[in-house]
Amino acid sequence: MSIVQRAKNIILKPTDEWNIISREPATISGILGGYAAILAAIPMAAGILFTGALGISGAGLLGGGAIPLGFAAIAAMSVIGYILSLITLYLMGIIVNSVSPSFNGKSDLHQSLKLLTYASTPTWLAGLVSWIPILGALVSFAANVYVVYLIYLGLQPVLGVPKEKVAGFTVVIVLIYVVLSLIVSGIIIGLLFSTFFAGGATGALSGA
């Protein structure tokens, strides 16, 4: 099945698609490299092409701060964010796989990665408009809510979690993701500020 068709199906008819996904043979390289790495590149490309090319400053990105970021810096941070997002996805797969038996679900890393990867589709597609003020924020919020719903729908067919434990496991997955996201965000912000205050990034920050 093509990436476009899979993305379309998981968004428009998720219940049917999860049943198909649950039975598909898969490899970690196929899940991450053949799907996640491609779709996760959408927000990265949008950040570089639109945010960087349109000259939106780092002040806007950082809530009105006084740190102007040029195209080179924005591109670098977009690439770093892309790499860390894939690492986060893989770590989430490992954690969910280890927690699944506690909810009477399967312990299967491939299935866990399938669940998290395909459920993440809306957030990656939302990256197409995430750079647009207000609209981007609204679409991104709606996409994140839908991701939670997709996880909820997929836990039973993909990991075999009993229906009565699906809601609880969904909450746990969301909490784990929030914690990991905060850590990743801290890493990105730390890299940004360490580069800014290092004194050697004047050219990068100015876009030179």
N, C-alpha and C. Protein backbone atom coordinates (compact mmCIF):
# COMPACT_ATOMS: atom_id res chain seq x y z
N MET A 1 0.84 -1.20 0.00
CA MET A 1 0.00 0.00 0.00
C MET A 1 0.88 1.25 0.00
N SER A 2 0.51 2.25 -0.80
CA SER A 2 1.30 3.47 -0.88
C SER A 2 1.17 4.30 0.40
N ILE A 3 2.14 5.16 0.62
CA ILE A 3 2.12 6.03 1.79
C ILE A 3 0.89 6.93 1.76
N VAL A 4 0.59 7.46 0.59
CA VAL A 4 -0.56 8.36 0.45
C VAL A 4 -1.85 7.64 0.81
N GLN A 5 -2.02 6.43 0.32
CA GLN A 5 -3.23 5.67 0.60
C GLN A 5 -3.33 5.32 2.07
N ARG A 6 -2.20 4.93 2.68
CA ARG A 6 -2.20 4.59 4.09
C ARG A 6 -2.56 5.81 4.95
N ALA A 7 -1.97 6.95 4.62
CA ALA A 7 -2.26 8.17 5.36
C ALA A 7 -3.73 8.55 5.22
N LYS A 8 -4.25 8.43 4.01
CA LYS A 8 -5.65 8.75 3.76
C LYS A 8 -6.57 7.81 4.54
N ASN A 9 -6.26 6.53 4.52
CA ASN A 9 -7.12 5.55 5.19
C ASN A 9 -7.10 5.68 6.70
N ILE A 10 -5.93 5.92 7.28
CA ILE A 10 -5.83 5.99 8.74
C ILE A 10 -6.56 7.22 9.28
N ILE A 11 -6.70 8.23 8.44
CA ILE A 11 -7.40 9.45 8.87
C ILE A 11 -8.91 9.34 8.62
N LEU A 12 -9.28 8.81 7.45
CA LEU A 12 -10.69 8.80 7.07
C LEU A 12 -11.46 7.56 7.54
N LYS A 13 -10.81 6.44 7.63
CA LYS A 13 -11.48 5.21 8.09
C LYS A 13 -10.54 4.40 8.99
N PRO A 14 -10.21 4.98 10.14
CA PRO A 14 -9.20 4.38 11.02
C PRO A 14 -9.55 2.99 11.55
N THR A 15 -10.80 2.74 11.87
CA THR A 15 -11.17 1.43 12.42
C THR A 15 -10.83 0.31 11.45
N ASP A 16 -11.24 0.46 10.20
CA ASP A 16 -10.92 -0.55 9.18
C ASP A 16 -9.42 -0.66 8.96
N GLU A 17 -8.75 0.48 8.95
CA GLU A 17 -7.32 0.49 8.64
C GLU A 17 -6.50 -0.16 9.76
N TRP A 18 -6.91 0.05 11.01
CA TRP A 18 -6.18 -0.59 12.11
C TRP A 18 -6.27 -2.11 12.01
N ASN A 19 -7.40 -2.62 11.58
CA ASN A 19 -7.55 -4.06 11.42
C ASN A 19 -6.61 -4.60 10.35
N ILE A 20 -6.42 -3.82 9.29
CA ILE A 20 -5.50 -4.21 8.23
C ILE A 20 -4.06 -4.13 8.74
N ILE A 21 -3.74 -3.02 9.40
CA ILE A 21 -2.39 -2.80 9.92
C ILE A 21 -1.99 -3.88 10.91
N SER A 22 -2.92 -4.28 11.74
CA SER A 22 -2.61 -5.27 12.78
C SER A 22 -2.12 -6.60 12.21
N ARG A 23 -2.56 -6.92 10.97
CA ARG A 23 -2.21 -8.20 10.37
C ARG A 23 -1.02 -8.12 9.41
N GLU A 24 -0.58 -6.89 9.13
CA GLU A 24 0.51 -6.71 8.16
C GLU A 24 1.87 -7.10 8.75
N PRO A 25 2.67 -7.81 7.98
CA PRO A 25 4.06 -8.04 8.42
C PRO A 25 4.81 -6.72 8.31
N ALA A 26 5.74 -6.49 9.22
CA ALA A 26 6.45 -5.21 9.21
C ALA A 26 7.83 -5.36 9.81
N THR A 27 8.72 -4.47 9.40
CA THR A 27 10.06 -4.40 9.98
C THR A 27 10.24 -3.01 10.57
N ILE A 28 11.15 -2.88 11.50
CA ILE A 28 11.40 -1.57 12.11
C ILE A 28 11.88 -0.58 11.07
N SER A 29 12.76 -1.04 10.18
CA SER A 29 13.27 -0.14 9.14
C SER A 29 12.15 0.28 8.19
N GLY A 30 11.23 -0.64 7.91
CA GLY A 30 10.11 -0.31 7.03
C GLY A 30 9.16 0.69 7.66
N ILE A 31 8.89 0.50 8.95
CA ILE A 31 7.96 1.40 9.65
C ILE A 31 8.56 2.79 9.80
N LEU A 32 9.79 2.84 10.29
CA LEU A 32 10.43 4.13 10.55
C LEU A 32 10.97 4.77 9.27
N GLY A 33 11.69 3.97 8.47
CA GLY A 33 12.29 4.53 7.27
C GLY A 33 11.34 4.66 6.10
N GLY A 34 10.40 3.72 5.99
CA GLY A 34 9.50 3.73 4.84
C GLY A 34 8.25 4.56 5.02
N TYR A 35 7.98 5.00 6.24
CA TYR A 35 6.77 5.79 6.48
C TYR A 35 7.06 7.00 7.37
N ALA A 36 7.52 6.75 8.59
CA ALA A 36 7.73 7.84 9.54
C ALA A 36 8.73 8.88 9.03
N ALA A 37 9.86 8.41 8.53
CA ALA A 37 10.90 9.34 8.09
C ALA A 37 10.43 10.22 6.94
N ILE A 38 9.55 9.68 6.12
CA ILE A 38 9.05 10.44 4.96
C ILE A 38 8.03 11.48 5.39
N LEU A 39 7.02 11.06 6.17
CA LEU A 39 5.99 12.00 6.58
C LEU A 39 6.50 13.01 7.60
N ALA A 40 7.42 12.58 8.47
CA ALA A 40 7.97 13.50 9.47
C ALA A 40 8.79 14.61 8.82
N ALA A 41 9.17 14.40 7.56
CA ALA A 41 9.92 15.42 6.84
C ALA A 41 9.03 16.58 6.42
N ILE A 42 7.71 16.39 6.46
CA ILE A 42 6.80 17.46 6.04
C ILE A 42 6.93 18.69 6.93
N PRO A 43 6.79 18.56 8.27
CA PRO A 43 6.96 19.76 9.11
C PRO A 43 8.38 20.32 9.03
N MET A 44 9.38 19.46 8.84
CA MET A 44 10.75 19.97 8.70
C MET A 44 10.87 20.83 7.45
N ALA A 45 10.36 20.32 6.33
CA ALA A 45 10.43 21.06 5.08
C ALA A 45 9.63 22.35 5.15
N ALA A 46 8.46 22.29 5.81
CA ALA A 46 7.64 23.49 5.95
C ALA A 46 8.37 24.54 6.77
N GLY A 47 9.04 24.10 7.83
CA GLY A 47 9.78 25.04 8.66
C GLY A 47 10.90 25.71 7.88
N ILE A 48 11.58 24.94 7.05
CA ILE A 48 12.69 25.49 6.28
C ILE A 48 12.20 26.38 5.14
N LEU A 49 11.24 25.87 4.38
CA LEU A 49 10.79 26.58 3.18
C LEU A 49 9.93 27.79 3.47
N PHE A 50 9.04 27.65 4.46
CA PHE A 50 8.12 28.75 4.74
C PHE A 50 8.61 29.67 5.85
N THR A 51 8.90 29.10 7.02
CA THR A 51 9.36 29.94 8.12
C THR A 51 10.69 30.60 7.78
N GLY A 52 11.63 29.79 7.30
CA GLY A 52 12.93 30.36 6.98
C GLY A 52 12.90 31.26 5.77
N ALA A 53 12.30 30.79 4.67
CA ALA A 53 12.29 31.55 3.42
C ALA A 53 11.48 32.84 3.53
N LEU A 54 10.42 32.81 4.36
CA LEU A 54 9.59 34.01 4.51
C LEU A 54 10.20 35.00 5.49
N GLY A 55 11.28 34.58 6.12
CA GLY A 55 11.98 35.51 7.01
C GLY A 55 11.31 35.75 8.34
N ILE A 56 10.47 34.81 8.81
CA ILE A 56 9.86 34.97 10.13
C ILE A 56 10.96 34.83 11.16
N SER A 57 11.04 35.78 12.09
CA SER A 57 12.15 35.81 13.03
C SER A 57 11.98 34.83 14.17
N GLY A 58 13.08 34.55 14.81
CA GLY A 58 13.06 33.69 15.98
C GLY A 58 12.26 34.32 17.09
N ALA A 59 12.13 35.64 17.09
CA ALA A 59 11.34 36.31 18.12
C ALA A 59 9.91 35.83 18.08
N GLY A 60 9.37 35.66 16.85
CA GLY A 60 8.01 35.16 16.73
C GLY A 60 7.90 33.73 17.17
N LEU A 61 8.93 32.95 16.86
CA LEU A 61 8.90 31.54 17.23
C LEU A 61 9.04 31.33 18.72
N LEU A 62 9.71 32.27 19.39
CA LEU A 62 9.97 32.12 20.82
C LEU A 62 9.05 32.98 21.66
N GLY A 63 7.91 33.34 21.11
CA GLY A 63 6.91 34.07 21.89
C GLY A 63 7.23 35.53 22.08
N GLY A 64 7.90 36.12 21.10
CA GLY A 64 8.13 37.55 21.19
C GLY A 64 9.47 37.92 21.79
N GLY A 65 10.38 36.96 21.90
CA GLY A 65 11.70 37.27 22.44
C GLY A 65 12.49 38.13 21.48
N ALA A 66 13.68 38.51 21.89
CA ALA A 66 14.47 39.43 21.08
C ALA A 66 15.66 38.72 20.43
N ILE A 67 15.49 37.47 20.04
CA ILE A 67 16.57 36.72 19.43
C ILE A 67 16.22 36.43 17.97
N PRO A 68 16.75 37.24 17.05
CA PRO A 68 16.43 37.02 15.64
C PRO A 68 17.16 35.81 15.09
N LEU A 69 16.46 34.94 14.41
CA LEU A 69 17.07 33.76 13.81
C LEU A 69 17.00 33.89 12.30
N GLY A 70 18.13 33.67 11.65
CA GLY A 70 18.16 33.70 10.20
C GLY A 70 17.78 32.35 9.62
N PHE A 71 17.83 32.29 8.30
CA PHE A 71 17.41 31.07 7.59
C PHE A 71 18.26 29.86 7.99
N ALA A 72 19.58 30.06 8.10
CA ALA A 72 20.47 28.94 8.43
C ALA A 72 20.14 28.34 9.78
N ALA A 73 19.87 29.21 10.77
CA ALA A 73 19.55 28.73 12.11
C ALA A 73 18.22 28.01 12.12
N ILE A 74 17.23 28.55 11.43
CA ILE A 74 15.91 27.92 11.37
C ILE A 74 16.01 26.56 10.69
N ALA A 75 16.78 26.48 9.62
CA ALA A 75 16.97 25.21 8.92
C ALA A 75 17.64 24.19 9.83
N ALA A 76 18.65 24.63 10.56
CA ALA A 76 19.36 23.73 11.46
C ALA A 76 18.44 23.20 12.55
N MET A 77 17.64 24.07 13.14
CA MET A 77 16.74 23.66 14.21
C MET A 77 15.64 22.74 13.67
N SER A 78 15.22 22.97 12.44
CA SER A 78 14.20 22.11 11.83
C SER A 78 14.75 20.70 11.62
N VAL A 79 15.99 20.61 11.18
CA VAL A 79 16.61 19.30 10.97
C VAL A 79 16.81 18.59 12.30
N ILE A 80 17.27 19.33 13.31
CA ILE A 80 17.46 18.73 14.64
C ILE A 80 16.12 18.23 15.18
N GLY A 81 15.08 19.04 15.02
CA GLY A 81 13.75 18.65 15.47
C GLY A 81 13.27 17.39 14.76
N TYR A 82 13.58 17.29 13.47
CA TYR A 82 13.19 16.13 12.67
C TYR A 82 13.86 14.86 13.20
N ILE A 83 15.15 14.94 13.41
CA ILE A 83 15.90 13.78 13.91
C ILE A 83 15.41 13.36 15.29
N LEU A 84 15.22 14.34 16.17
CA LEU A 84 14.78 14.03 17.53
C LEU A 84 13.35 13.48 17.55
N SER A 85 12.52 13.91 16.59
CA SER A 85 11.15 13.40 16.54
C SER A 85 11.15 11.91 16.21
N LEU A 86 12.05 11.48 15.34
CA LEU A 86 12.13 10.06 14.99
C LEU A 86 12.71 9.25 16.15
N ILE A 87 13.67 9.84 16.83
CA ILE A 87 14.23 9.17 18.01
C ILE A 87 13.17 9.02 19.08
N THR A 88 12.38 10.09 19.27
CA THR A 88 11.29 10.06 20.26
C THR A 88 10.28 8.98 19.91
N LEU A 89 9.95 8.87 18.62
CA LEU A 89 8.99 7.86 18.17
C LEU A 89 9.50 6.46 18.50
N TYR A 90 10.77 6.22 18.24
CA TYR A 90 11.35 4.90 18.51
C TYR A 90 11.36 4.61 20.02
N LEU A 91 11.73 5.61 20.82
CA LEU A 91 11.73 5.44 22.28
C LEU A 91 10.32 5.19 22.79
N MET A 92 9.35 5.89 22.21
CA MET A 92 7.95 5.66 22.59
C MET A 92 7.55 4.22 22.28
N GLY A 93 8.00 3.72 21.15
CA GLY A 93 7.68 2.34 20.80
C GLY A 93 8.24 1.35 21.82
N ILE A 94 9.48 1.59 22.24
CA ILE A 94 10.11 0.71 23.23
C ILE A 94 9.35 0.76 24.55
N ILE A 95 9.00 1.97 24.97
CA ILE A 95 8.32 2.14 26.26
C ILE A 95 6.92 1.53 26.23
N VAL A 96 6.17 1.82 25.17
CA VAL A 96 4.81 1.28 25.04
C VAL A 96 4.87 -0.24 24.98
N ASN A 97 5.86 -0.77 24.29
CA ASN A 97 6.02 -2.22 24.20
C ASN A 97 6.25 -2.84 25.58
N SER A 98 7.03 -2.15 26.41
CA SER A 98 7.33 -2.68 27.75
C SER A 98 6.16 -2.53 28.71
N VAL A 99 5.33 -1.51 28.47
CA VAL A 99 4.18 -1.25 29.36
C VAL A 99 2.96 -2.07 28.96
N SER A 100 2.86 -2.43 27.69
CA SER A 100 1.68 -3.12 27.16
C SER A 100 1.23 -4.33 27.98
N PRO A 101 2.15 -5.22 28.41
CA PRO A 101 1.70 -6.38 29.19
C PRO A 101 0.99 -6.00 30.49
N SER A 102 1.30 -4.83 31.04
CA SER A 102 0.63 -4.38 32.27
C SER A 102 -0.85 -4.12 32.03
N PHE A 103 -1.21 -3.91 30.75
CA PHE A 103 -2.61 -3.69 30.38
C PHE A 103 -3.15 -4.90 29.62
N ASN A 104 -2.50 -6.05 29.82
CA ASN A 104 -2.89 -7.30 29.17
C ASN A 104 -2.78 -7.24 27.65
N GLY A 105 -1.86 -6.40 27.18
CA GLY A 105 -1.64 -6.31 25.74
C GLY A 105 -0.40 -7.09 25.32
N LYS A 106 -0.15 -7.16 24.03
CA LYS A 106 1.00 -7.88 23.50
C LYS A 106 2.30 -7.14 23.80
N SER A 107 3.37 -7.90 23.95
CA SER A 107 4.70 -7.33 24.02
C SER A 107 5.35 -7.58 22.66
N ASP A 108 5.19 -6.62 21.77
CA ASP A 108 5.66 -6.78 20.39
C ASP A 108 6.10 -5.40 19.89
N LEU A 109 7.40 -5.21 19.77
CA LEU A 109 7.93 -3.90 19.39
C LEU A 109 7.43 -3.46 18.02
N HIS A 110 7.33 -4.39 17.09
CA HIS A 110 6.86 -4.03 15.75
C HIS A 110 5.43 -3.50 15.80
N GLN A 111 4.58 -4.17 16.57
CA GLN A 111 3.19 -3.73 16.68
C GLN A 111 3.10 -2.38 17.40
N SER A 112 3.92 -2.20 18.42
CA SER A 112 3.92 -0.93 19.15
C SER A 112 4.35 0.21 18.25
N LEU A 113 5.37 -0.03 17.44
CA LEU A 113 5.83 1.01 16.52
C LEU A 113 4.81 1.30 15.43
N LYS A 114 4.12 0.25 14.97
CA LYS A 114 3.07 0.46 13.97
C LYS A 114 1.97 1.36 14.56
N LEU A 115 1.56 1.06 15.78
CA LEU A 115 0.52 1.85 16.42
C LEU A 115 0.90 3.31 16.51
N LEU A 116 2.08 3.59 17.05
CA LEU A 116 2.51 4.97 17.28
C LEU A 116 2.83 5.70 15.98
N THR A 117 3.42 4.99 15.04
CA THR A 117 3.80 5.62 13.77
C THR A 117 2.58 6.03 12.95
N TYR A 118 1.68 5.11 12.74
CA TYR A 118 0.51 5.43 11.91
C TYR A 118 -0.44 6.39 12.62
N ALA A 119 -0.48 6.31 13.95
CA ALA A 119 -1.33 7.25 14.71
C ALA A 119 -0.78 8.67 14.64
N SER A 120 0.51 8.80 14.37
CA SER A 120 1.13 10.13 14.31
C SER A 120 0.88 10.85 12.99
N THR A 121 0.28 10.17 12.04
CA THR A 121 0.06 10.74 10.71
C THR A 121 -0.56 12.13 10.72
N PRO A 122 -1.63 12.39 11.50
CA PRO A 122 -2.25 13.72 11.46
C PRO A 122 -1.30 14.86 11.83
N THR A 123 -0.42 14.64 12.81
CA THR A 123 0.49 15.71 13.22
C THR A 123 1.50 16.02 12.13
N TRP A 124 1.94 15.00 11.42
CA TRP A 124 2.89 15.24 10.33
C TRP A 124 2.22 15.98 9.18
N LEU A 125 1.01 15.60 8.85
CA LEU A 125 0.30 16.29 7.77
C LEU A 125 -0.04 17.72 8.16
N ALA A 126 -0.30 17.93 9.45
CA ALA A 126 -0.60 19.28 9.94
C ALA A 126 0.59 20.21 9.75
N GLY A 127 1.78 19.62 9.61
CA GLY A 127 2.98 20.43 9.40
C GLY A 127 2.92 21.26 8.13
N LEU A 128 2.05 20.88 7.21
CA LEU A 128 1.90 21.65 5.97
C LEU A 128 1.42 23.07 6.23
N VAL A 129 0.65 23.25 7.32
CA VAL A 129 0.11 24.59 7.62
C VAL A 129 0.53 25.08 9.00
N SER A 130 1.38 24.33 9.68
CA SER A 130 1.74 24.70 11.05
C SER A 130 2.45 26.05 11.14
N TRP A 131 3.04 26.49 10.05
CA TRP A 131 3.77 27.76 10.04
C TRP A 131 2.85 28.97 9.91
N ILE A 132 1.58 28.74 9.59
CA ILE A 132 0.63 29.85 9.42
C ILE A 132 0.11 30.29 10.79
N PRO A 133 0.26 31.55 11.14
CA PRO A 133 -0.22 32.03 12.44
C PRO A 133 -1.70 31.73 12.66
N ILE A 134 -2.05 31.37 13.85
CA ILE A 134 -3.41 31.06 14.30
C ILE A 134 -3.94 29.78 13.65
N LEU A 135 -4.07 29.78 12.32
CA LEU A 135 -4.59 28.60 11.63
C LEU A 135 -3.70 27.39 11.90
N GLY A 136 -2.40 27.59 11.82
CA GLY A 136 -1.47 26.50 12.07
C GLY A 136 -1.61 25.93 13.46
N ALA A 137 -1.79 26.82 14.45
CA ALA A 137 -1.94 26.39 15.84
C ALA A 137 -3.22 25.59 16.02
N LEU A 138 -4.29 26.04 15.40
CA LEU A 138 -5.58 25.36 15.51
C LEU A 138 -5.53 23.97 14.86
N VAL A 139 -4.94 23.92 13.67
CA VAL A 139 -4.84 22.64 12.97
C VAL A 139 -3.95 21.67 13.73
N SER A 140 -2.85 22.17 14.27
CA SER A 140 -1.94 21.33 15.03
C SER A 140 -2.61 20.78 16.28
N PHE A 141 -3.40 21.62 16.95
CA PHE A 141 -4.12 21.17 18.15
C PHE A 141 -5.12 20.08 17.78
N ALA A 142 -5.88 20.31 16.72
CA ALA A 142 -6.86 19.32 16.28
C ALA A 142 -6.17 18.01 15.88
N ALA A 143 -5.02 18.12 15.24
CA ALA A 143 -4.27 16.93 14.83
C ALA A 143 -3.81 16.13 16.04
N ASN A 144 -3.34 16.81 17.07
CA ASN A 144 -2.89 16.12 18.28
C ASN A 144 -4.05 15.40 18.98
N VAL A 145 -5.20 16.04 19.00
CA VAL A 145 -6.38 15.42 19.59
C VAL A 145 -6.75 14.16 18.81
N TYR A 146 -6.66 14.26 17.49
CA TYR A 146 -7.01 13.11 16.65
C TYR A 146 -6.00 11.97 16.82
N VAL A 147 -4.75 12.31 17.07
CA VAL A 147 -3.74 11.29 17.32
C VAL A 147 -4.12 10.46 18.54
N VAL A 148 -4.56 11.13 19.59
CA VAL A 148 -4.98 10.43 20.81
C VAL A 148 -6.15 9.50 20.49
N TYR A 149 -7.07 9.98 19.69
CA TYR A 149 -8.22 9.16 19.31
C TYR A 149 -7.79 7.95 18.49
N LEU A 150 -6.82 8.15 17.59
CA LEU A 150 -6.33 7.04 16.77
C LEU A 150 -5.64 5.99 17.64
N ILE A 151 -4.88 6.43 18.63
CA ILE A 151 -4.24 5.49 19.55
C ILE A 151 -5.30 4.69 20.29
N TYR A 152 -6.33 5.40 20.74
CA TYR A 152 -7.43 4.75 21.45
C TYR A 152 -8.07 3.66 20.59
N LEU A 153 -8.29 3.98 19.32
CA LEU A 153 -8.91 3.02 18.40
C LEU A 153 -7.97 1.86 18.06
N GLY A 154 -6.66 2.12 18.05
CA GLY A 154 -5.73 1.11 17.60
C GLY A 154 -5.21 0.15 18.66
N LEU A 155 -5.35 0.50 19.92
CA LEU A 155 -4.78 -0.33 20.98
C LEU A 155 -5.34 -1.76 20.99
N GLN A 156 -6.63 -1.89 20.78
CA GLN A 156 -7.23 -3.23 20.84
C GLN A 156 -6.85 -4.09 19.64
N PRO A 157 -7.02 -3.61 18.40
CA PRO A 157 -6.68 -4.47 17.26
C PRO A 157 -5.18 -4.69 17.08
N VAL A 158 -4.36 -3.68 17.38
CA VAL A 158 -2.93 -3.78 17.11
C VAL A 158 -2.16 -4.46 18.25
N LEU A 159 -2.47 -4.11 19.48
CA LEU A 159 -1.75 -4.68 20.62
C LEU A 159 -2.59 -5.65 21.45
N GLY A 160 -3.84 -5.83 21.07
CA GLY A 160 -4.68 -6.79 21.77
C GLY A 160 -5.05 -6.38 23.18
N VAL A 161 -5.06 -5.09 23.44
CA VAL A 161 -5.43 -4.60 24.78
C VAL A 161 -6.93 -4.77 24.98
N PRO A 162 -7.36 -5.36 26.10
CA PRO A 162 -8.80 -5.53 26.35
C PRO A 162 -9.53 -4.19 26.33
N LYS A 163 -10.75 -4.21 25.85
CA LYS A 163 -11.53 -2.98 25.68
C LYS A 163 -11.61 -2.16 26.95
N GLU A 164 -11.76 -2.84 28.10
CA GLU A 164 -11.93 -2.11 29.35
C GLU A 164 -10.64 -1.43 29.83
N LYS A 165 -9.51 -1.77 29.20
CA LYS A 165 -8.24 -1.17 29.61
C LYS A 165 -7.67 -0.20 28.57
N VAL A 166 -8.37 -0.05 27.46
CA VAL A 166 -7.89 0.80 26.38
C VAL A 166 -7.78 2.26 26.82
N ALA A 167 -8.80 2.77 27.50
CA ALA A 167 -8.80 4.18 27.91
C ALA A 167 -7.63 4.47 28.85
N GLY A 168 -7.43 3.59 29.84
CA GLY A 168 -6.34 3.79 30.78
C GLY A 168 -4.98 3.77 30.11
N PHE A 169 -4.80 2.84 29.18
CA PHE A 169 -3.52 2.75 28.48
C PHE A 169 -3.30 3.97 27.60
N THR A 170 -4.37 4.46 27.00
CA THR A 170 -4.26 5.66 26.17
C THR A 170 -3.76 6.84 26.99
N VAL A 171 -4.31 7.00 28.18
CA VAL A 171 -3.88 8.09 29.07
C VAL A 171 -2.41 7.95 29.42
N VAL A 172 -1.98 6.73 29.70
CA VAL A 172 -0.57 6.47 30.05
C VAL A 172 0.34 6.83 28.88
N ILE A 173 -0.05 6.44 27.67
CA ILE A 173 0.75 6.75 26.49
C ILE A 173 0.87 8.26 26.29
N VAL A 174 -0.22 8.97 26.48
CA VAL A 174 -0.20 10.43 26.34
C VAL A 174 0.74 11.05 27.36
N LEU A 175 0.69 10.59 28.59
CA LEU A 175 1.55 11.12 29.64
C LEU A 175 3.02 10.85 29.34
N ILE A 176 3.31 9.65 28.86
CA ILE A 176 4.68 9.31 28.50
C ILE A 176 5.17 10.22 27.38
N TYR A 177 4.30 10.44 26.40
CA TYR A 177 4.67 11.30 25.27
C TYR A 177 4.93 12.73 25.72
N VAL A 178 4.11 13.23 26.63
CA VAL A 178 4.28 14.60 27.12
C VAL A 178 5.64 14.75 27.80
N VAL A 179 5.99 13.77 28.62
CA VAL A 179 7.27 13.82 29.32
C VAL A 179 8.44 13.79 28.33
N LEU A 180 8.38 12.86 27.37
CA LEU A 180 9.44 12.78 26.37
C LEU A 180 9.53 14.05 25.53
N SER A 181 8.37 14.61 25.19
CA SER A 181 8.35 15.83 24.39
C SER A 181 8.98 17.00 25.14
N LEU A 182 8.73 17.08 26.44
CA LEU A 182 9.34 18.13 27.24
C LEU A 182 10.86 17.98 27.27
N ILE A 183 11.30 16.74 27.36
CA ILE A 183 12.75 16.48 27.36
C ILE A 183 13.36 16.89 26.02
N VAL A 184 12.70 16.47 24.93
CA VAL A 184 13.19 16.80 23.59
C VAL A 184 13.18 18.31 23.36
N SER A 185 12.10 18.97 23.79
CA SER A 185 12.02 20.42 23.64
C SER A 185 13.14 21.10 24.41
N GLY A 186 13.41 20.57 25.60
CA GLY A 186 14.50 21.13 26.40
C GLY A 186 15.84 20.99 25.70
N ILE A 187 16.04 19.85 25.02
CA ILE A 187 17.28 19.63 24.28
C ILE A 187 17.41 20.63 23.14
N ILE A 188 16.30 20.82 22.40
CA ILE A 188 16.31 21.75 21.26
C ILE A 188 16.58 23.18 21.73
N ILE A 189 15.86 23.60 22.78
CA ILE A 189 16.04 24.95 23.30
C ILE A 189 17.45 25.12 23.86
N GLY A 190 17.95 24.06 24.53
CA GLY A 190 19.31 24.12 25.06
C GLY A 190 20.34 24.29 23.97
N LEU A 191 20.15 23.56 22.87
CA LEU A 191 21.07 23.69 21.74
C LEU A 191 21.01 25.09 21.14
N LEU A 192 19.78 25.62 21.04
CA LEU A 192 19.60 26.95 20.48
C LEU A 192 20.32 28.01 21.31
N PHE A 193 20.09 27.99 22.61
CA PHE A 193 20.68 29.01 23.46
C PHE A 193 22.18 28.81 23.66
N SER A 194 22.63 27.56 23.71
CA SER A 194 24.07 27.34 23.85
C SER A 194 24.80 27.83 22.61
N THR A 195 24.16 27.63 21.45
CA THR A 195 24.75 28.11 20.21
C THR A 195 24.74 29.63 20.17
N PHE A 196 23.64 30.24 20.63
CA PHE A 196 23.50 31.69 20.59
C PHE A 196 24.52 32.37 21.50
N PHE A 197 24.68 31.83 22.71
CA PHE A 197 25.57 32.45 23.67
C PHE A 197 27.02 32.02 23.52
N ALA A 198 27.28 31.08 22.61
CA ALA A 198 28.66 30.62 22.43
C ALA A 198 29.53 31.67 21.77
N GLY A 199 28.89 32.58 21.08
CA GLY A 199 29.63 33.66 20.47
C GLY A 199 30.09 33.35 19.05
N GLY A 200 30.04 32.04 18.72
CA GLY A 200 30.50 31.68 17.38
C GLY A 200 29.36 31.51 16.43
N ALA A 201 28.14 31.81 16.87
CA ALA A 201 26.98 31.57 16.02
C ALA A 201 26.40 32.84 15.46
N THR A 202 27.16 33.92 15.53
CA THR A 202 26.63 35.19 15.05
C THR A 202 26.24 35.11 13.59
N GLY A 203 27.11 34.44 12.80
CA GLY A 203 26.81 34.31 11.38
C GLY A 203 25.57 33.50 11.14
N ALA A 204 25.41 32.37 11.88
CA ALA A 204 24.26 31.50 11.70
C ALA A 204 22.99 32.20 12.11
N LEU A 205 23.03 32.93 13.21
CA LEU A 205 21.83 33.59 13.70
C LEU A 205 21.40 34.73 12.81
N SER A 206 22.35 35.30 12.11
CA SER A 206 22.01 36.40 11.22
C SER A 206 21.62 35.90 9.84
N GLY A 207 21.79 34.55 9.65
CA GLY A 207 21.45 33.96 8.36
C GLY A 207 22.57 34.03 7.36
N ALA A 208 23.75 34.48 7.82
CA ALA A 208 24.89 34.61 6.91
C ALA A 208 25.49 33.25 6.63
